[in-house]
Amino acid sequence: MGWAEKHHIKLQFIQLGKPQQNAYIERYNRTVRYDWLAHHLFDSVSDVQDFATRWLWTYNHERPNMALGGITPIQKMALAA
């Protein structure tokens, strides 16, 4: 909270017990938690950041997304262009 205030960022919170108010982020957080965060122990924040960067690339470029018809997000973007 102190960091956000220092950088003039206003924090807004959803109502407790109402994850549907922020459904896209809640779904992403669940995916991260179940796909890799709960399965690994990290030695440092930089290790988490490195793993997250590699995972996000894989998620967008290699992992088929059933909500997108079984294609990757990068493929979906290419079709929309």
PDB file of N, CA and C in Angstrom:
ATOM      1  N   MET A   1       0.835  -1.191   0.000  1.00  0.00           N
ATOM      2  CA  MET A   1       0.000   0.000   0.000  1.00  0.00           C
ATOM      3  C   MET A   1       0.872   1.245   0.000  1.00  0.00           C
ATOM      4  N   GLY A   2       1.979   1.160   0.762  1.00  0.00           N
ATOM      5  CA  GLY A   2       2.907   2.287   0.799  1.00  0.00           C
ATOM      6  C   GLY A   2       3.537   2.551  -0.556  1.00  0.00           C
ATOM      7  N   TRP A   3       3.903   1.458  -1.263  1.00  0.00           N
ATOM      8  CA  TRP A   3       4.491   1.595  -2.592  1.00  0.00           C
ATOM      9  C   TRP A   3       3.509   2.270  -3.547  1.00  0.00           C
ATOM     10  N   ALA A   4       2.256   1.837  -3.514  1.00  0.00           N
ATOM     11  CA  ALA A   4       1.237   2.409  -4.392  1.00  0.00           C
ATOM     12  C   ALA A   4       1.047   3.891  -4.096  1.00  0.00           C
ATOM     13  N   GLU A   5       0.984   4.237  -2.828  1.00  0.00           N
ATOM     14  CA  GLU A   5       0.824   5.638  -2.456  1.00  0.00           C
ATOM     15  C   GLU A   5       2.008   6.476  -2.923  1.00  0.00           C
ATOM     16  N   LYS A   6       3.202   5.952  -2.742  1.00  0.00           N
ATOM     17  CA  LYS A   6       4.420   6.658  -3.162  1.00  0.00           C
ATOM     18  C   LYS A   6       4.418   6.917  -4.670  1.00  0.00           C
ATOM     19  N   HIS A   7       3.821   6.006  -5.430  1.00  0.00           N
ATOM     20  CA  HIS A   7       3.782   6.141  -6.879  1.00  0.00           C
ATOM     21  C   HIS A   7       2.454   6.709  -7.391  1.00  0.00           C
ATOM     22  N   HIS A   8       1.674   7.270  -6.482  1.00  0.00           N
ATOM     23  CA  HIS A   8       0.401   7.929  -6.818  1.00  0.00           C
ATOM     24  C   HIS A   8      -0.569   6.971  -7.519  1.00  0.00           C
ATOM     25  N   ILE A   9      -0.628   5.758  -7.015  1.00  0.00           N
ATOM     26  CA  ILE A   9      -1.540   4.757  -7.547  1.00  0.00           C
ATOM     27  C   ILE A   9      -2.644   4.530  -6.529  1.00  0.00           C
ATOM     28  N   LYS A  10      -3.881   4.708  -6.976  1.00  0.00           N
ATOM     29  CA  LYS A  10      -5.017   4.504  -6.093  1.00  0.00           C
ATOM     30  C   LYS A  10      -5.448   3.041  -6.174  1.00  0.00           C
ATOM     31  N   LEU A  11      -5.476   2.366  -5.052  1.00  0.00           N
ATOM     32  CA  LEU A  11      -5.910   0.981  -5.001  1.00  0.00           C
ATOM     33  C   LEU A  11      -7.427   0.924  -4.853  1.00  0.00           C
ATOM     34  N   GLN A  12      -8.047   0.081  -5.650  1.00  0.00           N
ATOM     35  CA  GLN A  12      -9.484  -0.134  -5.535  1.00  0.00           C
ATOM     36  C   GLN A  12      -9.704  -1.628  -5.350  1.00  0.00           C
ATOM     37  N   PHE A  13     -10.495  -1.983  -4.395  1.00  0.00           N
ATOM     38  CA  PHE A  13     -10.720  -3.377  -4.063  1.00  0.00           C
ATOM     39  C   PHE A  13     -12.136  -3.794  -4.417  1.00  0.00           C
ATOM     40  N   ILE A  14     -12.276  -5.052  -4.807  1.00  0.00           N
ATOM     41  CA  ILE A  14     -13.610  -5.588  -5.038  1.00  0.00           C
ATOM     42  C   ILE A  14     -14.223  -5.925  -3.691  1.00  0.00           C
ATOM     43  N   GLN A  15     -15.524  -6.117  -3.678  1.00  0.00           N
ATOM     44  CA  GLN A  15     -16.202  -6.505  -2.453  1.00  0.00           C
ATOM     45  C   GLN A  15     -15.787  -7.918  -2.063  1.00  0.00           C
ATOM     46  N   LEU A  16     -15.639  -8.156  -0.784  1.00  0.00           N
ATOM     47  CA  LEU A  16     -15.291  -9.484  -0.308  1.00  0.00           C
ATOM     48  C   LEU A  16     -16.340 -10.489  -0.759  1.00  0.00           C
ATOM     49  N   GLY A  17     -15.870 -11.620  -1.232  1.00  0.00           N
ATOM     50  CA  GLY A  17     -16.787 -12.672  -1.671  1.00  0.00           C
ATOM     51  C   GLY A  17     -17.438 -12.406  -3.007  1.00  0.00           C
ATOM     52  N   LYS A  18     -16.917 -11.440  -3.769  1.00  0.00           N
ATOM     53  CA  LYS A  18     -17.495 -11.095  -5.070  1.00  0.00           C
ATOM     54  C   LYS A  18     -16.426 -11.148  -6.168  1.00  0.00           C
ATOM     55  N   PRO A  19     -15.793 -12.313  -6.381  1.00  0.00           N
ATOM     56  CA  PRO A  19     -14.734 -12.382  -7.390  1.00  0.00           C
ATOM     57  C   PRO A  19     -15.220 -12.083  -8.809  1.00  0.00           C
ATOM     58  N   GLN A  20     -16.526 -12.207  -9.055  1.00  0.00           N
ATOM     59  CA  GLN A  20     -17.045 -11.921 -10.381  1.00  0.00           C
ATOM     60  C   GLN A  20     -16.891 -10.441 -10.754  1.00  0.00           C
ATOM     61  N   GLN A  21     -16.647  -9.574  -9.764  1.00  0.00           N
ATOM     62  CA  GLN A  21     -16.421  -8.162 -10.056  1.00  0.00           C
ATOM     63  C   GLN A  21     -15.076  -7.951 -10.758  1.00  0.00           C
ATOM     64  N   ASN A  22     -14.204  -8.922 -10.694  1.00  0.00           N
ATOM     65  CA  ASN A  22     -12.893  -8.842 -11.313  1.00  0.00           C
ATOM     66  C   ASN A  22     -12.579 -10.208 -11.942  1.00  0.00           C
ATOM     67  N   ALA A  23     -13.529 -10.711 -12.713  1.00  0.00           N
ATOM     68  CA  ALA A  23     -13.487 -12.098 -13.172  1.00  0.00           C
ATOM     69  C   ALA A  23     -12.253 -12.445 -13.993  1.00  0.00           C
ATOM     70  N   TYR A  24     -11.814 -11.573 -14.889  1.00  0.00           N
ATOM     71  CA  TYR A  24     -10.664 -11.890 -15.728  1.00  0.00           C
ATOM     72  C   TYR A  24      -9.392 -12.057 -14.899  1.00  0.00           C
ATOM     73  N   ILE A  25      -9.173 -11.171 -13.961  1.00  0.00           N
ATOM     74  CA  ILE A  25      -7.979 -11.255 -13.117  1.00  0.00           C
ATOM     75  C   ILE A  25      -8.079 -12.435 -12.169  1.00  0.00           C
ATOM     76  N   GLU A  26      -9.238 -12.664 -11.609  1.00  0.00           N
ATOM     77  CA  GLU A  26      -9.413 -13.807 -10.716  1.00  0.00           C
ATOM     78  C   GLU A  26      -9.155 -15.117 -11.454  1.00  0.00           C
ATOM     79  N   ARG A  27      -9.622 -15.227 -12.683  1.00  0.00           N
ATOM     80  CA  ARG A  27      -9.390 -16.434 -13.478  1.00  0.00           C
ATOM     81  C   ARG A  27      -7.909 -16.602 -13.789  1.00  0.00           C
ATOM     82  N   TYR A  28      -7.245 -15.509 -14.136  1.00  0.00           N
ATOM     83  CA  TYR A  28      -5.807 -15.559 -14.402  1.00  0.00           C
ATOM     84  C   TYR A  28      -5.045 -15.977 -13.146  1.00  0.00           C
ATOM     85  N   ASN A  29      -5.384 -15.384 -12.017  1.00  0.00           N
ATOM     86  CA  ASN A  29      -4.719 -15.733 -10.761  1.00  0.00           C
ATOM     87  C   ASN A  29      -4.904 -17.215 -10.436  1.00  0.00           C
ATOM     88  N   ARG A  30      -6.097 -17.737 -10.685  1.00  0.00           N
ATOM     89  CA  ARG A  30      -6.348 -19.156 -10.435  1.00  0.00           C
ATOM     90  C   ARG A  30      -5.486 -20.027 -11.349  1.00  0.00           C
ATOM     91  N   THR A  31      -5.406 -19.650 -12.609  1.00  0.00           N
ATOM     92  CA  THR A  31      -4.588 -20.400 -13.554  1.00  0.00           C
ATOM     93  C   THR A  31      -3.133 -20.417 -13.111  1.00  0.00           C
ATOM     94  N   VAL A  32      -2.603 -19.274 -12.738  1.00  0.00           N
ATOM     95  CA  VAL A  32      -1.210 -19.195 -12.265  1.00  0.00           C
ATOM     96  C   VAL A  32      -1.018 -20.070 -11.032  1.00  0.00           C
ATOM     97  N   ARG A  33      -1.916 -19.945 -10.088  1.00  0.00           N
ATOM     98  CA  ARG A  33      -1.791 -20.687  -8.831  1.00  0.00           C
ATOM     99  C   ARG A  33      -1.797 -22.198  -9.077  1.00  0.00           C
ATOM    100  N   TYR A  34      -2.727 -22.679  -9.898  1.00  0.00           N
ATOM    101  CA  TYR A  34      -2.851 -24.115 -10.112  1.00  0.00           C
ATOM    102  C   TYR A  34      -1.845 -24.656 -11.129  1.00  0.00           C
ATOM    103  N   ASP A  35      -1.457 -23.856 -12.113  1.00  0.00           N
ATOM    104  CA  ASP A  35      -0.533 -24.342 -13.140  1.00  0.00           C
ATOM    105  C   ASP A  35       0.913 -24.421 -12.671  1.00  0.00           C
ATOM    106  N   TRP A  36       1.338 -23.459 -11.847  1.00  0.00           N
ATOM    107  CA  TRP A  36       2.753 -23.521 -11.464  1.00  0.00           C
ATOM    108  C   TRP A  36       3.100 -22.995 -10.086  1.00  0.00           C
ATOM    109  N   LEU A  37       2.455 -22.015  -9.594  1.00  0.00           N
ATOM    110  CA  LEU A  37       2.869 -21.399  -8.332  1.00  0.00           C
ATOM    111  C   LEU A  37       2.810 -22.376  -7.160  1.00  0.00           C
ATOM    112  N   ALA A  38       1.788 -23.203  -7.114  1.00  0.00           N
ATOM    113  CA  ALA A  38       1.637 -24.152  -6.009  1.00  0.00           C
ATOM    114  C   ALA A  38       2.527 -25.385  -6.163  1.00  0.00           C
ATOM    115  N   HIS A  39       3.223 -25.500  -7.292  1.00  0.00           N
ATOM    116  CA  HIS A  39       4.018 -26.690  -7.570  1.00  0.00           C
ATOM    117  C   HIS A  39       5.522 -26.477  -7.441  1.00  0.00           C
ATOM    118  N   HIS A  40       5.941 -25.260  -7.168  1.00  0.00           N
ATOM    119  CA  HIS A  40       7.365 -24.949  -7.140  1.00  0.00           C
ATOM    120  C   HIS A  40       7.734 -24.175  -5.878  1.00  0.00           C
ATOM    121  N   LEU A  41       8.942 -24.392  -5.426  1.00  0.00           N
ATOM    122  CA  LEU A  41       9.516 -23.580  -4.359  1.00  0.00           C
ATOM    123  C   LEU A  41      10.585 -22.703  -4.998  1.00  0.00           C
ATOM    124  N   PHE A  42      10.578 -21.436  -4.679  1.00  0.00           N
ATOM    125  CA  PHE A  42      11.509 -20.492  -5.285  1.00  0.00           C
ATOM    126  C   PHE A  42      12.456 -19.957  -4.219  1.00  0.00           C
ATOM    127  N   ASP A  43      13.679 -19.659  -4.635  1.00  0.00           N
ATOM    128  CA  ASP A  43      14.682 -19.150  -3.713  1.00  0.00           C
ATOM    129  C   ASP A  43      14.666 -17.631  -3.594  1.00  0.00           C
ATOM    130  N   SER A  44      14.111 -16.953  -4.587  1.00  0.00           N
ATOM    131  CA  SER A  44      14.116 -15.488  -4.563  1.00  0.00           C
ATOM    132  C   SER A  44      12.986 -14.948  -5.428  1.00  0.00           C
ATOM    133  N   VAL A  45      12.726 -13.676  -5.266  1.00  0.00           N
ATOM    134  CA  VAL A  45      11.710 -13.016  -6.083  1.00  0.00           C
ATOM    135  C   VAL A  45      12.140 -13.030  -7.543  1.00  0.00           C
ATOM    136  N   SER A  46      13.430 -12.862  -7.809  1.00  0.00           N
ATOM    137  CA  SER A  46      13.896 -12.878  -9.198  1.00  0.00           C
ATOM    138  C   SER A  46      13.675 -14.245  -9.838  1.00  0.00           C
ATOM    139  N   ASP A  47      13.785 -15.330  -9.057  1.00  0.00           N
ATOM    140  CA  ASP A  47      13.484 -16.663  -9.584  1.00  0.00           C
ATOM    141  C   ASP A  47      12.007 -16.769  -9.975  1.00  0.00           C
ATOM    142  N   VAL A  48      11.140 -16.216  -9.158  1.00  0.00           N
ATOM    143  CA  VAL A  48       9.697 -16.229  -9.463  1.00  0.00           C
ATOM    144  C   VAL A  48       9.438 -15.410 -10.722  1.00  0.00           C
ATOM    145  N   GLN A  49      10.059 -14.234 -10.814  1.00  0.00           N
ATOM    146  CA  GLN A  49       9.856 -13.375 -11.980  1.00  0.00           C
ATOM    147  C   GLN A  49      10.334 -14.053 -13.259  1.00  0.00           C
ATOM    148  N   ASP A  50      11.484 -14.712 -13.192  1.00  0.00           N
ATOM    149  CA  ASP A  50      12.020 -15.408 -14.357  1.00  0.00           C
ATOM    150  C   ASP A  50      11.093 -16.548 -14.776  1.00  0.00           C
ATOM    151  N   PHE A  51      10.655 -17.332 -13.816  1.00  0.00           N
ATOM    152  CA  PHE A  51       9.747 -18.445 -14.112  1.00  0.00           C
ATOM    153  C   PHE A  51       8.440 -17.916 -14.681  1.00  0.00           C
ATOM    154  N   ALA A  52       7.914 -16.854 -14.090  1.00  0.00           N
ATOM    155  CA  ALA A  52       6.647 -16.281 -14.551  1.00  0.00           C
ATOM    156  C   ALA A  52       6.763 -15.774 -15.976  1.00  0.00           C
ATOM    157  N   THR A  53       7.880 -15.150 -16.314  1.00  0.00           N
ATOM    158  CA  THR A  53       8.086 -14.657 -17.676  1.00  0.00           C
ATOM    159  C   THR A  53       8.107 -15.803 -18.675  1.00  0.00           C
ATOM    160  N   ARG A  54       8.812 -16.878 -18.351  1.00  0.00           N
ATOM    161  CA  ARG A  54       8.869 -18.039 -19.240  1.00  0.00           C
ATOM    162  C   ARG A  54       7.497 -18.710 -19.345  1.00  0.00           C
ATOM    163  N   TRP A  55       6.793 -18.824 -18.221  1.00  0.00           N
ATOM    164  CA  TRP A  55       5.470 -19.439 -18.230  1.00  0.00           C
ATOM    165  C   TRP A  55       4.492 -18.618 -19.075  1.00  0.00           C
ATOM    166  N   LEU A  56       4.544 -17.304 -18.944  1.00  0.00           N
ATOM    167  CA  LEU A  56       3.632 -16.446 -19.696  1.00  0.00           C
ATOM    168  C   LEU A  56       3.869 -16.571 -21.199  1.00  0.00           C
ATOM    169  N   TRP A  57       5.134 -16.687 -21.608  1.00  0.00           N
ATOM    170  CA  TRP A  57       5.424 -16.878 -23.021  1.00  0.00           C
ATOM    171  C   TRP A  57       4.809 -18.197 -23.497  1.00  0.00           C
ATOM    172  N   THR A  58       5.017 -19.253 -22.724  1.00  0.00           N
ATOM    173  CA  THR A  58       4.451 -20.557 -23.074  1.00  0.00           C
ATOM    174  C   THR A  58       2.923 -20.486 -23.125  1.00  0.00           C
ATOM    175  N   TYR A  59       2.332 -19.819 -22.143  1.00  0.00           N
ATOM    176  CA  TYR A  59       0.873 -19.681 -22.078  1.00  0.00           C
ATOM    177  C   TYR A  59       0.333 -18.997 -23.335  1.00  0.00           C
ATOM    178  N   ASN A  60       0.998 -17.959 -23.788  1.00  0.00           N
ATOM    179  CA  ASN A  60       0.519 -17.199 -24.936  1.00  0.00           C
ATOM    180  C   ASN A  60       0.877 -17.808 -26.286  1.00  0.00           C
ATOM    181  N   HIS A  61       1.970 -18.562 -26.365  1.00  0.00           N
ATOM    182  CA  HIS A  61       2.464 -19.044 -27.650  1.00  0.00           C
ATOM    183  C   HIS A  61       2.304 -20.543 -27.890  1.00  0.00           C
ATOM    184  N   GLU A  62       2.229 -21.351 -26.836  1.00  0.00           N
ATOM    185  CA  GLU A  62       2.233 -22.799 -27.023  1.00  0.00           C
ATOM    186  C   GLU A  62       1.031 -23.526 -26.426  1.00  0.00           C
ATOM    187  N   ARG A  63       0.406 -22.973 -25.429  1.00  0.00           N
ATOM    188  CA  ARG A  63      -0.660 -23.660 -24.695  1.00  0.00           C
ATOM    189  C   ARG A  63      -2.018 -23.381 -25.335  1.00  0.00           C
ATOM    190  N   PRO A  64      -2.663 -24.393 -25.917  1.00  0.00           N
ATOM    191  CA  PRO A  64      -3.991 -24.185 -26.500  1.00  0.00           C
ATOM    192  C   PRO A  64      -4.993 -23.738 -25.431  1.00  0.00           C
ATOM    193  N   ASN A  65      -5.845 -22.834 -25.804  1.00  0.00           N
ATOM    194  CA  ASN A  65      -6.847 -22.298 -24.889  1.00  0.00           C
ATOM    195  C   ASN A  65      -8.216 -22.742 -25.380  1.00  0.00           C
ATOM    196  N   MET A  66      -8.894 -23.546 -24.580  1.00  0.00           N
ATOM    197  CA  MET A  66     -10.184 -24.083 -24.999  1.00  0.00           C
ATOM    198  C   MET A  66     -11.228 -22.981 -25.199  1.00  0.00           C
ATOM    199  N   ALA A  67     -11.140 -21.896 -24.466  1.00  0.00           N
ATOM    200  CA  ALA A  67     -12.080 -20.788 -24.638  1.00  0.00           C
ATOM    201  C   ALA A  67     -11.877 -20.081 -25.980  1.00  0.00           C
ATOM    202  N   LEU A  68     -10.703 -20.287 -26.597  1.00  0.00           N
ATOM    203  CA  LEU A  68     -10.411 -19.695 -27.902  1.00  0.00           C
ATOM    204  C   LEU A  68     -10.542 -20.717 -29.024  1.00  0.00           C
ATOM    205  N   GLY A  69     -11.192 -21.818 -28.744  1.00  0.00           N
ATOM    206  CA  GLY A  69     -11.386 -22.851 -29.753  1.00  0.00           C
ATOM    207  C   GLY A  69     -10.192 -23.767 -29.933  1.00  0.00           C
ATOM    208  N   GLY A  70      -9.367 -23.879 -28.900  1.00  0.00           N
ATOM    209  CA  GLY A  70      -8.232 -24.796 -28.956  1.00  0.00           C
ATOM    210  C   GLY A  70      -6.983 -24.216 -29.602  1.00  0.00           C
ATOM    211  N   ILE A  71      -6.956 -22.892 -29.786  1.00  0.00           N
ATOM    212  CA  ILE A  71      -5.763 -22.248 -30.322  1.00  0.00           C
ATOM    213  C   ILE A  71      -5.113 -21.400 -29.230  1.00  0.00           C
ATOM    214  N   THR A  72      -3.911 -20.947 -29.476  1.00  0.00           N
ATOM    215  CA  THR A  72      -3.206 -20.131 -28.487  1.00  0.00           C
ATOM    216  C   THR A  72      -3.637 -18.670 -28.611  1.00  0.00           C
ATOM    217  N   PRO A  73      -3.444 -17.878 -27.560  1.00  0.00           N
ATOM    218  CA  PRO A  73      -3.765 -16.454 -27.654  1.00  0.00           C
ATOM    219  C   PRO A  73      -3.046 -15.734 -28.804  1.00  0.00           C
ATOM    220  N   ILE A  74      -1.794 -16.093 -29.052  1.00  0.00           N
ATOM    221  CA  ILE A  74      -1.062 -15.432 -30.140  1.00  0.00           C
ATOM    222  C   ILE A  74      -1.669 -15.784 -31.496  1.00  0.00           C
ATOM    223  N   GLN A  75      -2.169 -17.003 -31.651  1.00  0.00           N
ATOM    224  CA  GLN A  75      -2.846 -17.400 -32.876  1.00  0.00           C
ATOM    225  C   GLN A  75      -4.160 -16.619 -33.033  1.00  0.00           C
ATOM    226  N   LYS A  76      -4.862 -16.437 -31.933  1.00  0.00           N
ATOM    227  CA  LYS A  76      -6.120 -15.691 -31.959  1.00  0.00           C
ATOM    228  C   LYS A  76      -5.871 -14.249 -32.381  1.00  0.00           C
ATOM    229  N   MET A  77      -4.807 -13.661 -31.874  1.00  0.00           N
ATOM    230  CA  MET A  77      -4.472 -12.288 -32.254  1.00  0.00           C
ATOM    231  C   MET A  77      -4.129 -12.207 -33.738  1.00  0.00           C
ATOM    232  N   ALA A  78      -3.420 -13.205 -34.239  1.00  0.00           N
ATOM    233  CA  ALA A  78      -3.058 -13.211 -35.656  1.00  0.00           C
ATOM    234  C   ALA A  78      -4.305 -13.298 -36.547  1.00  0.00           C
ATOM    235  N   LEU A  79      -5.286 -14.082 -36.109  1.00  0.00           N
ATOM    236  CA  LEU A  79      -6.524 -14.196 -36.879  1.00  0.00           C
ATOM    237  C   LEU A  79      -7.315 -12.887 -36.883  1.00  0.00           C
ATOM    238  N   ALA A  80      -7.213 -12.140 -35.784  1.00  0.00           N
ATOM    239  CA  ALA A  80      -7.970 -10.884 -35.668  1.00  0.00           C
ATOM    240  C   ALA A  80      -7.336  -9.745 -36.454  1.00  0.00           C
ATOM    241  N   ALA A  81      -6.068  -9.892 -36.796  1.00  0.00           N
ATOM    242  CA  ALA A  81      -5.350  -8.810 -37.498  1.00  0.00           C
ATOM    243  C   ALA A  81      -5.714  -8.730 -38.959  1.00  0.00           C
TER     244      ALA A  81
END
